[in-house]
Amino acid sequence: MTPELLVLLLAVILAVIQLAFYAVPANMELESGYAAGPRDRPPATQLSDRTRRAKRAYENHLETLPWFAIVVIVAHLTGQTSAVTAIAARVYLGARIAYVPLYLFGVFGLRSLAWLIATLAILTILVGTLI
């Protein structure tokens, strides 16, 4: 298994952990049975700021994960993996891990920087695969 594919699997594990960071407190904060029901109406209680942030951080990871998966899989299938793509994959994961607490605690500016670094890492793998 290439380092890039291993990091891709770790990024999926990060998504599962982020889902738990959101779902567990959300189920504790919402009225009993709401999450198990059809959710045809808004909940009677609001989620806390931190739980709503956890949801947005999770959703943001889900927005970038397909891009990351595509470039990693294409790099692997075409034999275009290299030290650069391996480092970029690790940078992506590190930035996405850093993004979570930065978002949860509302750290202005650094959260966007972590997002930018992760996105640049994806673009680095993309360019490395095209060259």
N, C-alpha and C. Protein backbone atom coordinates (compact mmCIF):
# COMPACT_ATOMS: atom_id res chain seq x y z
N MET A 1 0.85 -1.18 0.00
CA MET A 1 0.00 0.00 0.00
C MET A 1 0.90 1.24 0.00
N THR A 2 0.56 2.17 -0.86
CA THR A 2 1.35 3.40 -0.93
C THR A 2 1.03 4.28 0.29
N PRO A 3 1.96 5.17 0.65
CA PRO A 3 1.69 6.09 1.76
C PRO A 3 0.44 6.93 1.51
N GLU A 4 0.20 7.30 0.27
CA GLU A 4 -0.97 8.12 -0.07
C GLU A 4 -2.27 7.37 0.23
N LEU A 5 -2.31 6.08 -0.13
CA LEU A 5 -3.51 5.29 0.14
C LEU A 5 -3.72 5.10 1.64
N LEU A 6 -2.63 4.91 2.38
CA LEU A 6 -2.75 4.80 3.83
C LEU A 6 -3.32 6.08 4.42
N VAL A 7 -2.83 7.22 3.96
CA VAL A 7 -3.34 8.50 4.45
C VAL A 7 -4.81 8.66 4.06
N LEU A 8 -5.19 8.20 2.89
CA LEU A 8 -6.60 8.26 2.50
C LEU A 8 -7.47 7.48 3.49
N LEU A 9 -7.02 6.30 3.86
CA LEU A 9 -7.77 5.52 4.85
C LEU A 9 -7.84 6.25 6.19
N LEU A 10 -6.74 6.87 6.58
CA LEU A 10 -6.73 7.64 7.82
C LEU A 10 -7.67 8.84 7.75
N ALA A 11 -7.78 9.44 6.56
CA ALA A 11 -8.71 10.56 6.37
C ALA A 11 -10.16 10.10 6.51
N VAL A 12 -10.45 8.87 6.09
CA VAL A 12 -11.79 8.32 6.29
C VAL A 12 -12.03 8.07 7.78
N ILE A 13 -11.03 7.58 8.47
CA ILE A 13 -11.15 7.40 9.93
C ILE A 13 -11.41 8.74 10.60
N LEU A 14 -10.72 9.78 10.15
CA LEU A 14 -10.96 11.12 10.68
C LEU A 14 -12.41 11.53 10.47
N ALA A 15 -12.98 11.22 9.32
CA ALA A 15 -14.39 11.54 9.05
C ALA A 15 -15.31 10.82 10.03
N VAL A 16 -15.02 9.57 10.32
CA VAL A 16 -15.83 8.81 11.27
C VAL A 16 -15.73 9.43 12.67
N ILE A 17 -14.52 9.81 13.05
CA ILE A 17 -14.33 10.45 14.36
C ILE A 17 -15.08 11.77 14.42
N GLN A 18 -15.00 12.55 13.35
CA GLN A 18 -15.71 13.83 13.31
C GLN A 18 -17.22 13.62 13.38
N LEU A 19 -17.71 12.58 12.72
CA LEU A 19 -19.13 12.29 12.81
C LEU A 19 -19.52 12.02 14.26
N ALA A 20 -18.69 11.28 14.97
CA ALA A 20 -18.97 11.01 16.39
C ALA A 20 -18.92 12.29 17.22
N PHE A 21 -17.95 13.18 16.92
CA PHE A 21 -17.86 14.47 17.63
C PHE A 21 -19.14 15.28 17.47
N TYR A 22 -19.82 15.09 16.35
CA TYR A 22 -21.07 15.79 16.11
C TYR A 22 -22.27 14.99 16.63
N ALA A 23 -22.37 13.73 16.24
CA ALA A 23 -23.58 12.95 16.49
C ALA A 23 -23.83 12.67 17.96
N VAL A 24 -22.79 12.37 18.70
CA VAL A 24 -22.99 12.03 20.12
C VAL A 24 -23.57 13.22 20.89
N PRO A 25 -22.93 14.40 20.85
CA PRO A 25 -23.55 15.51 21.58
C PRO A 25 -24.90 15.93 21.00
N ALA A 26 -25.06 15.84 19.68
CA ALA A 26 -26.34 16.21 19.08
C ALA A 26 -27.46 15.34 19.62
N ASN A 27 -27.23 14.05 19.72
CA ASN A 27 -28.25 13.15 20.25
C ASN A 27 -28.52 13.39 21.72
N MET A 28 -27.54 13.86 22.45
CA MET A 28 -27.74 14.18 23.86
C MET A 28 -28.49 15.51 24.02
N GLU A 29 -28.30 16.43 23.09
CA GLU A 29 -28.90 17.76 23.20
C GLU A 29 -30.33 17.82 22.66
N LEU A 30 -30.63 17.01 21.67
CA LEU A 30 -31.96 17.03 21.06
C LEU A 30 -32.94 16.23 21.91
N GLU A 31 -34.23 16.51 21.71
CA GLU A 31 -35.23 15.79 22.49
C GLU A 31 -35.15 14.29 22.19
N SER A 32 -35.57 13.52 23.14
CA SER A 32 -35.50 12.07 23.06
C SER A 32 -36.20 11.56 21.80
N GLY A 33 -35.54 10.74 21.03
CA GLY A 33 -36.11 10.11 19.86
C GLY A 33 -36.09 10.94 18.59
N TYR A 34 -35.67 12.19 18.67
CA TYR A 34 -35.71 13.04 17.47
C TYR A 34 -34.84 12.47 16.35
N ALA A 35 -33.62 12.09 16.67
CA ALA A 35 -32.70 11.60 15.64
C ALA A 35 -33.17 10.29 15.01
N ALA A 36 -33.91 9.49 15.78
CA ALA A 36 -34.40 8.21 15.26
C ALA A 36 -35.68 8.37 14.44
N GLY A 37 -36.30 9.53 14.53
CA GLY A 37 -37.56 9.76 13.82
C GLY A 37 -37.34 10.27 12.41
N PRO A 38 -38.41 10.64 11.73
CA PRO A 38 -38.32 11.07 10.33
C PRO A 38 -37.78 12.50 10.16
N ARG A 39 -37.69 13.26 11.23
CA ARG A 39 -37.18 14.64 11.21
C ARG A 39 -37.94 15.52 10.22
N ASP A 40 -39.26 15.36 10.20
CA ASP A 40 -40.11 16.15 9.32
C ASP A 40 -40.24 17.60 9.79
N ARG A 41 -39.93 17.85 11.01
CA ARG A 41 -40.00 19.20 11.57
C ARG A 41 -38.67 19.53 12.24
N PRO A 42 -38.39 20.81 12.40
CA PRO A 42 -37.15 21.17 13.10
C PRO A 42 -37.22 20.70 14.56
N PRO A 43 -36.08 20.45 15.17
CA PRO A 43 -36.10 20.02 16.57
C PRO A 43 -36.64 21.14 17.47
N ALA A 44 -37.24 20.74 18.58
CA ALA A 44 -37.78 21.71 19.54
C ALA A 44 -36.65 22.44 20.27
N THR A 45 -35.50 21.78 20.38
CA THR A 45 -34.36 22.40 21.06
C THR A 45 -33.25 22.68 20.05
N GLN A 46 -32.49 23.70 20.31
CA GLN A 46 -31.36 24.06 19.46
C GLN A 46 -30.11 23.32 19.92
N LEU A 47 -29.25 23.02 18.98
CA LEU A 47 -27.94 22.46 19.32
C LEU A 47 -27.06 23.56 19.87
N SER A 48 -26.11 23.18 20.69
CA SER A 48 -25.16 24.16 21.23
C SER A 48 -24.25 24.67 20.12
N ASP A 49 -23.62 25.80 20.37
CA ASP A 49 -22.69 26.36 19.38
C ASP A 49 -21.60 25.35 19.02
N ARG A 50 -21.03 24.69 20.01
CA ARG A 50 -19.94 23.74 19.75
C ARG A 50 -20.42 22.56 18.91
N THR A 51 -21.62 22.07 19.18
CA THR A 51 -22.14 20.94 18.40
C THR A 51 -22.42 21.38 16.96
N ARG A 52 -22.95 22.57 16.78
CA ARG A 52 -23.17 23.07 15.42
C ARG A 52 -21.83 23.26 14.70
N ARG A 53 -20.81 23.70 15.42
CA ARG A 53 -19.48 23.83 14.81
C ARG A 53 -18.94 22.46 14.42
N ALA A 54 -19.14 21.47 15.29
CA ALA A 54 -18.68 20.10 14.98
C ALA A 54 -19.34 19.60 13.71
N LYS A 55 -20.63 19.91 13.55
CA LYS A 55 -21.34 19.50 12.34
C LYS A 55 -20.74 20.19 11.11
N ARG A 56 -20.49 21.49 11.21
CA ARG A 56 -19.93 22.21 10.05
C ARG A 56 -18.52 21.74 9.73
N ALA A 57 -17.71 21.45 10.75
CA ALA A 57 -16.36 20.94 10.50
C ALA A 57 -16.42 19.58 9.80
N TYR A 58 -17.34 18.73 10.25
CA TYR A 58 -17.53 17.41 9.62
C TYR A 58 -17.97 17.57 8.17
N GLU A 59 -18.95 18.43 7.93
CA GLU A 59 -19.43 18.65 6.57
C GLU A 59 -18.33 19.22 5.68
N ASN A 60 -17.49 20.09 6.23
CA ASN A 60 -16.39 20.64 5.45
C ASN A 60 -15.41 19.54 5.06
N HIS A 61 -15.14 18.63 5.98
CA HIS A 61 -14.24 17.52 5.67
C HIS A 61 -14.84 16.66 4.55
N LEU A 62 -16.16 16.45 4.62
CA LEU A 62 -16.82 15.66 3.57
C LEU A 62 -16.76 16.35 2.22
N GLU A 63 -16.65 17.67 2.21
CA GLU A 63 -16.53 18.40 0.95
C GLU A 63 -15.16 18.21 0.30
N THR A 64 -14.11 18.11 1.10
CA THR A 64 -12.76 17.98 0.53
C THR A 64 -12.32 16.53 0.37
N LEU A 65 -12.91 15.63 1.13
CA LEU A 65 -12.48 14.22 1.09
C LEU A 65 -12.62 13.60 -0.30
N PRO A 66 -13.70 13.83 -1.04
CA PRO A 66 -13.76 13.24 -2.39
C PRO A 66 -12.65 13.74 -3.31
N TRP A 67 -12.33 15.02 -3.24
CA TRP A 67 -11.23 15.55 -4.06
C TRP A 67 -9.93 14.83 -3.71
N PHE A 68 -9.68 14.73 -2.40
CA PHE A 68 -8.46 14.06 -1.95
C PHE A 68 -8.44 12.61 -2.41
N ALA A 69 -9.56 11.92 -2.26
CA ALA A 69 -9.64 10.52 -2.67
C ALA A 69 -9.36 10.37 -4.16
N ILE A 70 -9.96 11.24 -4.96
CA ILE A 70 -9.77 11.15 -6.41
C ILE A 70 -8.31 11.33 -6.79
N VAL A 71 -7.65 12.37 -6.28
CA VAL A 71 -6.26 12.59 -6.69
C VAL A 71 -5.35 11.49 -6.18
N VAL A 72 -5.60 10.97 -4.98
CA VAL A 72 -4.78 9.88 -4.45
C VAL A 72 -4.97 8.62 -5.28
N ILE A 73 -6.20 8.28 -5.59
CA ILE A 73 -6.46 7.06 -6.36
C ILE A 73 -5.90 7.18 -7.77
N VAL A 74 -6.07 8.33 -8.40
CA VAL A 74 -5.51 8.52 -9.75
C VAL A 74 -3.98 8.45 -9.71
N ALA A 75 -3.37 9.09 -8.72
CA ALA A 75 -1.90 9.02 -8.60
C ALA A 75 -1.45 7.58 -8.44
N HIS A 76 -2.17 6.82 -7.62
CA HIS A 76 -1.82 5.42 -7.39
C HIS A 76 -2.00 4.58 -8.66
N LEU A 77 -3.16 4.72 -9.31
CA LEU A 77 -3.45 3.90 -10.48
C LEU A 77 -2.55 4.20 -11.67
N THR A 78 -2.10 5.44 -11.75
CA THR A 78 -1.23 5.81 -12.88
C THR A 78 0.25 5.70 -12.55
N GLY A 79 0.56 5.27 -11.34
CA GLY A 79 1.96 5.14 -10.94
C GLY A 79 2.67 6.47 -10.77
N GLN A 80 1.92 7.52 -10.50
CA GLN A 80 2.50 8.86 -10.37
C GLN A 80 2.76 9.26 -8.92
N THR A 81 2.79 8.30 -8.02
CA THR A 81 3.11 8.63 -6.63
C THR A 81 4.60 8.92 -6.52
N SER A 82 4.92 9.78 -5.58
CA SER A 82 6.32 10.18 -5.38
C SER A 82 6.48 10.65 -3.94
N ALA A 83 7.68 11.05 -3.60
CA ALA A 83 7.91 11.62 -2.27
C ALA A 83 7.06 12.88 -2.09
N VAL A 84 6.90 13.65 -3.14
CA VAL A 84 6.11 14.88 -3.07
C VAL A 84 4.65 14.56 -2.80
N THR A 85 4.08 13.59 -3.51
CA THR A 85 2.66 13.27 -3.30
C THR A 85 2.45 12.64 -1.92
N ALA A 86 3.42 11.87 -1.45
CA ALA A 86 3.32 11.27 -0.11
C ALA A 86 3.35 12.36 0.96
N ILE A 87 4.24 13.33 0.81
CA ILE A 87 4.30 14.44 1.78
C ILE A 87 3.02 15.27 1.71
N ALA A 88 2.55 15.54 0.50
CA ALA A 88 1.32 16.33 0.34
C ALA A 88 0.13 15.62 1.00
N ALA A 89 0.06 14.31 0.87
CA ALA A 89 -1.02 13.55 1.50
C ALA A 89 -0.95 13.70 3.02
N ARG A 90 0.23 13.61 3.57
CA ARG A 90 0.39 13.77 5.02
C ARG A 90 0.05 15.20 5.46
N VAL A 91 0.43 16.16 4.65
CA VAL A 91 0.10 17.56 4.96
C VAL A 91 -1.42 17.74 4.95
N TYR A 92 -2.08 17.16 3.96
CA TYR A 92 -3.54 17.24 3.90
C TYR A 92 -4.15 16.73 5.21
N LEU A 93 -3.74 15.53 5.61
CA LEU A 93 -4.31 14.93 6.81
C LEU A 93 -3.99 15.77 8.05
N GLY A 94 -2.76 16.22 8.15
CA GLY A 94 -2.38 17.05 9.30
C GLY A 94 -3.19 18.33 9.37
N ALA A 95 -3.40 18.96 8.23
CA ALA A 95 -4.19 20.20 8.19
C ALA A 95 -5.64 19.92 8.54
N ARG A 96 -6.19 18.80 8.05
CA ARG A 96 -7.57 18.46 8.37
C ARG A 96 -7.73 18.12 9.85
N ILE A 97 -6.74 17.48 10.44
CA ILE A 97 -6.79 17.20 11.88
C ILE A 97 -6.74 18.50 12.66
N ALA A 98 -5.85 19.40 12.26
CA ALA A 98 -5.74 20.70 12.93
C ALA A 98 -7.02 21.51 12.79
N TYR A 99 -7.68 21.38 11.67
CA TYR A 99 -8.90 22.13 11.37
C TYR A 99 -10.00 21.88 12.41
N VAL A 100 -10.09 20.65 12.90
CA VAL A 100 -11.19 20.28 13.79
C VAL A 100 -11.20 21.10 15.08
N PRO A 101 -10.14 21.08 15.88
CA PRO A 101 -10.19 21.90 17.11
C PRO A 101 -10.22 23.40 16.81
N LEU A 102 -9.58 23.82 15.72
CA LEU A 102 -9.63 25.23 15.37
C LEU A 102 -11.07 25.67 15.10
N TYR A 103 -11.84 24.82 14.46
CA TYR A 103 -13.24 25.14 14.19
C TYR A 103 -14.07 25.01 15.47
N LEU A 104 -13.86 23.92 16.22
CA LEU A 104 -14.65 23.70 17.44
C LEU A 104 -14.51 24.85 18.43
N PHE A 105 -13.32 25.41 18.51
CA PHE A 105 -13.07 26.48 19.48
C PHE A 105 -13.15 27.86 18.84
N GLY A 106 -13.58 27.93 17.59
CA GLY A 106 -13.82 29.21 16.94
C GLY A 106 -12.58 30.07 16.76
N VAL A 107 -11.45 29.45 16.44
CA VAL A 107 -10.20 30.20 16.26
C VAL A 107 -10.23 30.89 14.90
N PHE A 108 -10.34 32.18 14.94
CA PHE A 108 -10.46 32.98 13.73
C PHE A 108 -9.14 32.98 12.96
N GLY A 109 -9.20 32.86 11.66
CA GLY A 109 -8.02 32.96 10.80
C GLY A 109 -7.25 31.66 10.64
N LEU A 110 -6.86 31.05 11.74
CA LEU A 110 -6.07 29.82 11.65
C LEU A 110 -6.88 28.67 11.05
N ARG A 111 -8.19 28.67 11.34
CA ARG A 111 -9.04 27.64 10.75
C ARG A 111 -9.00 27.74 9.23
N SER A 112 -9.10 28.95 8.71
CA SER A 112 -9.05 29.15 7.26
C SER A 112 -7.68 28.79 6.70
N LEU A 113 -6.63 29.06 7.46
CA LEU A 113 -5.29 28.69 7.03
C LEU A 113 -5.16 27.17 6.93
N ALA A 114 -5.70 26.47 7.92
CA ALA A 114 -5.66 24.99 7.87
C ALA A 114 -6.41 24.47 6.64
N TRP A 115 -7.56 25.08 6.35
CA TRP A 115 -8.32 24.69 5.15
C TRP A 115 -7.49 24.94 3.89
N LEU A 116 -6.85 26.10 3.82
CA LEU A 116 -6.04 26.45 2.65
C LEU A 116 -4.88 25.47 2.48
N ILE A 117 -4.21 25.13 3.55
CA ILE A 117 -3.08 24.20 3.49
C ILE A 117 -3.56 22.84 2.98
N ALA A 118 -4.69 22.36 3.49
CA ALA A 118 -5.23 21.07 3.03
C ALA A 118 -5.58 21.12 1.55
N THR A 119 -6.17 22.23 1.12
CA THR A 119 -6.55 22.38 -0.29
C THR A 119 -5.31 22.46 -1.18
N LEU A 120 -4.30 23.18 -0.74
CA LEU A 120 -3.05 23.25 -1.51
C LEU A 120 -2.39 21.88 -1.60
N ALA A 121 -2.51 21.08 -0.56
CA ALA A 121 -1.96 19.72 -0.59
C ALA A 121 -2.67 18.88 -1.66
N ILE A 122 -3.98 19.03 -1.75
CA ILE A 122 -4.74 18.32 -2.80
C ILE A 122 -4.25 18.76 -4.17
N LEU A 123 -4.11 20.06 -4.35
CA LEU A 123 -3.64 20.58 -5.64
C LEU A 123 -2.23 20.12 -5.96
N THR A 124 -1.40 19.98 -4.93
CA THR A 124 -0.03 19.48 -5.14
C THR A 124 -0.05 18.06 -5.67
N ILE A 125 -0.90 17.22 -5.11
CA ILE A 125 -1.02 15.84 -5.61
C ILE A 125 -1.57 15.85 -7.03
N LEU A 126 -2.55 16.70 -7.28
CA LEU A 126 -3.13 16.80 -8.62
C LEU A 126 -2.06 17.16 -9.64
N VAL A 127 -1.30 18.21 -9.36
CA VAL A 127 -0.26 18.66 -10.28
C VAL A 127 0.82 17.57 -10.41
N GLY A 128 1.20 16.95 -9.30
CA GLY A 128 2.20 15.88 -9.33
C GLY A 128 1.75 14.70 -10.18
N THR A 129 0.45 14.48 -10.24
CA THR A 129 -0.09 13.38 -11.04
C THR A 129 -0.14 13.75 -12.52
N LEU A 130 -0.34 15.02 -12.81
CA LEU A 130 -0.44 15.45 -14.20
C LEU A 130 0.92 15.62 -14.88
N ILE A 131 1.95 15.78 -14.08
CA ILE A 131 3.29 16.03 -14.66
C ILE A 131 3.95 14.72 -15.04
